[in-house]
């Protein structure tokens, strides 16, 4: 489908948080001398025919909850929209969750080891 055939609607920001990668990179500025950069991930919702859809976008600045903006969506697949740019590959999510689980397991192990 041609993107010109997409429909326009309004989306509303439901949350905005500093991204995980922004926290990791914030420790590098002191070593490299670069200016600190922050990246935020804004979550938004929009409605099409009584069904709510959501998406995430990266931003260089924070945005307030409740902020409304225009997006376009594919009428054949309304979950596809012009606002979402924070998709990420499926394998990245699997690696992230696996590393997080390993970290938690390691912390539990260390806690039990030091309590003995």
C-alpha atoms as a PDB file:
ATOM      1  CA  UNK A   1       0.000   0.000   0.000  1.00  0.00           C
ATOM      2  CA  UNK A   2       1.188   3.459  -0.871  1.00  0.00           C
ATOM      3  CA  UNK A   3       2.044   5.566   2.222  1.00  0.00           C
ATOM      4  CA  UNK A   4      -0.068   8.342   0.675  1.00  0.00           C
ATOM      5  CA  UNK A   5      -3.108   6.119   1.340  1.00  0.00           C
ATOM      6  CA  UNK A   6      -2.438   6.009   5.082  1.00  0.00           C
ATOM      7  CA  UNK A   7      -4.914   7.720   7.403  1.00  0.00           C
ATOM      8  CA  UNK A   8      -4.058  10.581   9.754  1.00  0.00           C
ATOM      9  CA  UNK A   9      -5.011  10.486  13.435  1.00  0.00           C
ATOM     10  CA  UNK A  10      -3.868  11.955  16.750  1.00  0.00           C
ATOM     11  CA  UNK A  11      -1.697  10.086  19.239  1.00  0.00           C
ATOM     12  CA  UNK A  12      -1.206  10.896  22.906  1.00  0.00           C
ATOM     13  CA  UNK A  13       2.013  10.484  24.889  1.00  0.00           C
ATOM     14  CA  UNK A  14       1.419   8.078  27.797  1.00  0.00           C
ATOM     15  CA  UNK A  15       4.962   8.061  29.228  1.00  0.00           C
ATOM     16  CA  UNK A  16       8.455   9.322  28.549  1.00  0.00           C
ATOM     17  CA  UNK A  17      11.573   7.909  30.176  1.00  0.00           C
ATOM     18  CA  UNK A  18      15.297   8.185  29.700  1.00  0.00           C
ATOM     19  CA  UNK A  19      16.492   5.223  27.634  1.00  0.00           C
ATOM     20  CA  UNK A  20      18.683   2.465  29.026  1.00  0.00           C
ATOM     21  CA  UNK A  21      21.385   3.159  26.431  1.00  0.00           C
ATOM     22  CA  UNK A  22      21.420   6.778  27.577  1.00  0.00           C
ATOM     23  CA  UNK A  23      22.324   5.660  31.117  1.00  0.00           C
ATOM     24  CA  UNK A  24      25.128   3.440  29.802  1.00  0.00           C
ATOM     25  CA  UNK A  25      26.613   6.157  27.595  1.00  0.00           C
ATOM     26  CA  UNK A  26      26.426   8.771  30.363  1.00  0.00           C
ATOM     27  CA  UNK A  27      29.457   7.209  32.046  1.00  0.00           C
ATOM     28  CA  UNK A  28      31.625   7.551  28.936  1.00  0.00           C
ATOM     29  CA  UNK A  29      31.558  11.330  28.587  1.00  0.00           C
ATOM     30  CA  UNK A  30      34.008  11.865  31.425  1.00  0.00           C
ATOM     31  CA  UNK A  31      36.566   9.666  29.659  1.00  0.00           C
ATOM     32  CA  UNK A  32      36.104  10.920  26.121  1.00  0.00           C
ATOM     33  CA  UNK A  33      35.376  14.570  26.822  1.00  0.00           C
ATOM     34  CA  UNK A  34      32.202  14.439  24.709  1.00  0.00           C
ATOM     35  CA  UNK A  35      29.171  16.396  25.766  1.00  0.00           C
ATOM     36  CA  UNK A  36      26.576  14.266  27.546  1.00  0.00           C
ATOM     37  CA  UNK A  37      23.749  13.122  25.336  1.00  0.00           C
ATOM     38  CA  UNK A  38      20.422  11.858  26.556  1.00  0.00           C
ATOM     39  CA  UNK A  39      17.955   9.777  24.685  1.00  0.00           C
ATOM     40  CA  UNK A  40      14.355   9.398  25.780  1.00  0.00           C
ATOM     41  CA  UNK A  41      11.785   6.787  24.827  1.00  0.00           C
ATOM     42  CA  UNK A  42       8.250   8.136  24.575  1.00  0.00           C
ATOM     43  CA  UNK A  43       5.314   5.728  24.557  1.00  0.00           C
ATOM     44  CA  UNK A  44       2.135   6.825  22.813  1.00  0.00           C
ATOM     45  CA  UNK A  45      -1.373   5.565  22.130  1.00  0.00           C
ATOM     46  CA  UNK A  46      -3.868   6.152  19.373  1.00  0.00           C
ATOM     47  CA  UNK A  47      -7.281   4.739  18.552  1.00  0.00           C
ATOM     48  CA  UNK A  48      -8.623   3.338  15.304  1.00  0.00           C
ATOM     49  CA  UNK A  49     -12.229   2.069  15.136  1.00  0.00           C
ATOM     50  CA  UNK A  50     -12.523   1.662  18.935  1.00  0.00           C
ATOM     51  CA  UNK A  51      -9.247  -0.320  19.122  1.00  0.00           C
ATOM     52  CA  UNK A  52      -6.261   1.194  20.944  1.00  0.00           C
ATOM     53  CA  UNK A  53      -2.781   0.856  19.495  1.00  0.00           C
ATOM     54  CA  UNK A  54       0.521   1.929  20.965  1.00  0.00           C
ATOM     55  CA  UNK A  55       4.029   2.679  19.828  1.00  0.00           C
ATOM     56  CA  UNK A  56       7.376   3.973  21.032  1.00  0.00           C
ATOM     57  CA  UNK A  57       9.659   6.635  19.656  1.00  0.00           C
ATOM     58  CA  UNK A  58      13.140   7.865  20.483  1.00  0.00           C
ATOM     59  CA  UNK A  59      13.562  11.533  21.299  1.00  0.00           C
ATOM     60  CA  UNK A  60      16.453  13.819  22.146  1.00  0.00           C
ATOM     61  CA  UNK A  61      14.353  15.714  24.681  1.00  0.00           C
ATOM     62  CA  UNK A  62      11.650  14.615  27.114  1.00  0.00           C
ATOM     63  CA  UNK A  63       7.995  15.151  26.238  1.00  0.00           C
ATOM     64  CA  UNK A  64       5.108  15.595  28.677  1.00  0.00           C
ATOM     65  CA  UNK A  65       2.510  12.928  29.297  1.00  0.00           C
ATOM     66  CA  UNK A  66      -0.730  13.928  27.564  1.00  0.00           C
ATOM     67  CA  UNK A  67       1.012  15.708  24.678  1.00  0.00           C
ATOM     68  CA  UNK A  68      -0.925  15.102  21.431  1.00  0.00           C
ATOM     69  CA  UNK A  69       0.572  14.901  17.951  1.00  0.00           C
ATOM     70  CA  UNK A  70      -0.399  13.697  14.476  1.00  0.00           C
ATOM     71  CA  UNK A  71       0.641  10.348  13.062  1.00  0.00           C
ATOM     72  CA  UNK A  72      -0.431   8.340  10.039  1.00  0.00           C
ATOM     73  CA  UNK A  73      -1.364   4.664  10.129  1.00  0.00           C
ATOM     74  CA  UNK A  74      -1.875   1.924   7.570  1.00  0.00           C
ATOM     75  CA  UNK A  75      -5.644   1.269   7.357  1.00  0.00           C
ATOM     76  CA  UNK A  76      -4.958  -2.360   6.388  1.00  0.00           C
ATOM     77  CA  UNK A  77      -2.742  -2.850   9.444  1.00  0.00           C
ATOM     78  CA  UNK A  78      -3.433  -0.035  11.943  1.00  0.00           C
ATOM     79  CA  UNK A  79      -0.567  -1.080  14.251  1.00  0.00           C
ATOM     80  CA  UNK A  80       1.842   0.209  11.566  1.00  0.00           C
ATOM     81  CA  UNK A  81       2.306   3.932  12.031  1.00  0.00           C
ATOM     82  CA  UNK A  82       4.652   6.771  11.228  1.00  0.00           C
ATOM     83  CA  UNK A  83       5.381   7.558  14.881  1.00  0.00           C
ATOM     84  CA  UNK A  84       7.027   4.313  15.948  1.00  0.00           C
ATOM     85  CA  UNK A  85      10.751   4.210  15.393  1.00  0.00           C
ATOM     86  CA  UNK A  86      11.671   2.122  18.418  1.00  0.00           C
ATOM     87  CA  UNK A  87      10.986  -1.347  17.073  1.00  0.00           C
ATOM     88  CA  UNK A  88      14.332  -3.020  17.487  1.00  0.00           C
ATOM     89  CA  UNK A  89      15.078  -6.481  16.143  1.00  0.00           C
ATOM     90  CA  UNK A  90      13.464  -9.453  17.916  1.00  0.00           C
ATOM     91  CA  UNK A  91      16.858 -10.967  18.750  1.00  0.00           C
ATOM     92  CA  UNK A  92      17.916  -7.818  20.618  1.00  0.00           C
ATOM     93  CA  UNK A  93      14.965  -8.195  22.998  1.00  0.00           C
ATOM     94  CA  UNK A  94      15.823 -11.848  23.610  1.00  0.00           C
ATOM     95  CA  UNK A  95      19.467 -11.020  24.365  1.00  0.00           C
ATOM     96  CA  UNK A  96      18.451  -8.142  26.656  1.00  0.00           C
ATOM     97  CA  UNK A  97      16.017 -10.301  28.662  1.00  0.00           C
ATOM     98  CA  UNK A  98      18.547 -13.137  28.870  1.00  0.00           C
ATOM     99  CA  UNK A  99      21.276 -10.830  30.163  1.00  0.00           C
ATOM    100  CA  UNK A 100      18.889  -9.274  32.675  1.00  0.00           C
ATOM    101  CA  UNK A 101      17.854 -12.717  33.951  1.00  0.00           C
ATOM    102  CA  UNK A 102      21.506 -13.790  34.221  1.00  0.00           C
ATOM    103  CA  UNK A 103      22.319 -10.621  36.174  1.00  0.00           C
ATOM    104  CA  UNK A 104      19.456 -11.211  38.612  1.00  0.00           C
ATOM    105  CA  UNK A 105      20.479 -14.865  39.052  1.00  0.00           C
ATOM    106  CA  UNK A 106      24.084 -13.796  39.670  1.00  0.00           C
ATOM    107  CA  UNK A 107      23.030 -11.240  42.265  1.00  0.00           C
ATOM    108  CA  UNK A 108      20.881 -13.822  44.059  1.00  0.00           C
ATOM    109  CA  UNK A 109      23.792 -16.275  44.024  1.00  0.00           C
ATOM    110  CA  UNK A 110      26.219 -13.671  45.408  1.00  0.00           C
ATOM    111  CA  UNK A 111      23.713 -12.647  48.090  1.00  0.00           C
ATOM    112  CA  UNK A 112      23.381 -16.266  49.265  1.00  0.00           C
ATOM    113  CA  UNK A 113      27.138 -16.800  49.058  1.00  0.00           C
ATOM    114  CA  UNK A 114      27.941 -13.817  51.256  1.00  0.00           C
ATOM    115  CA  UNK A 115      25.183 -14.604  53.773  1.00  0.00           C
ATOM    116  CA  UNK A 116      26.622 -18.088  54.398  1.00  0.00           C
END
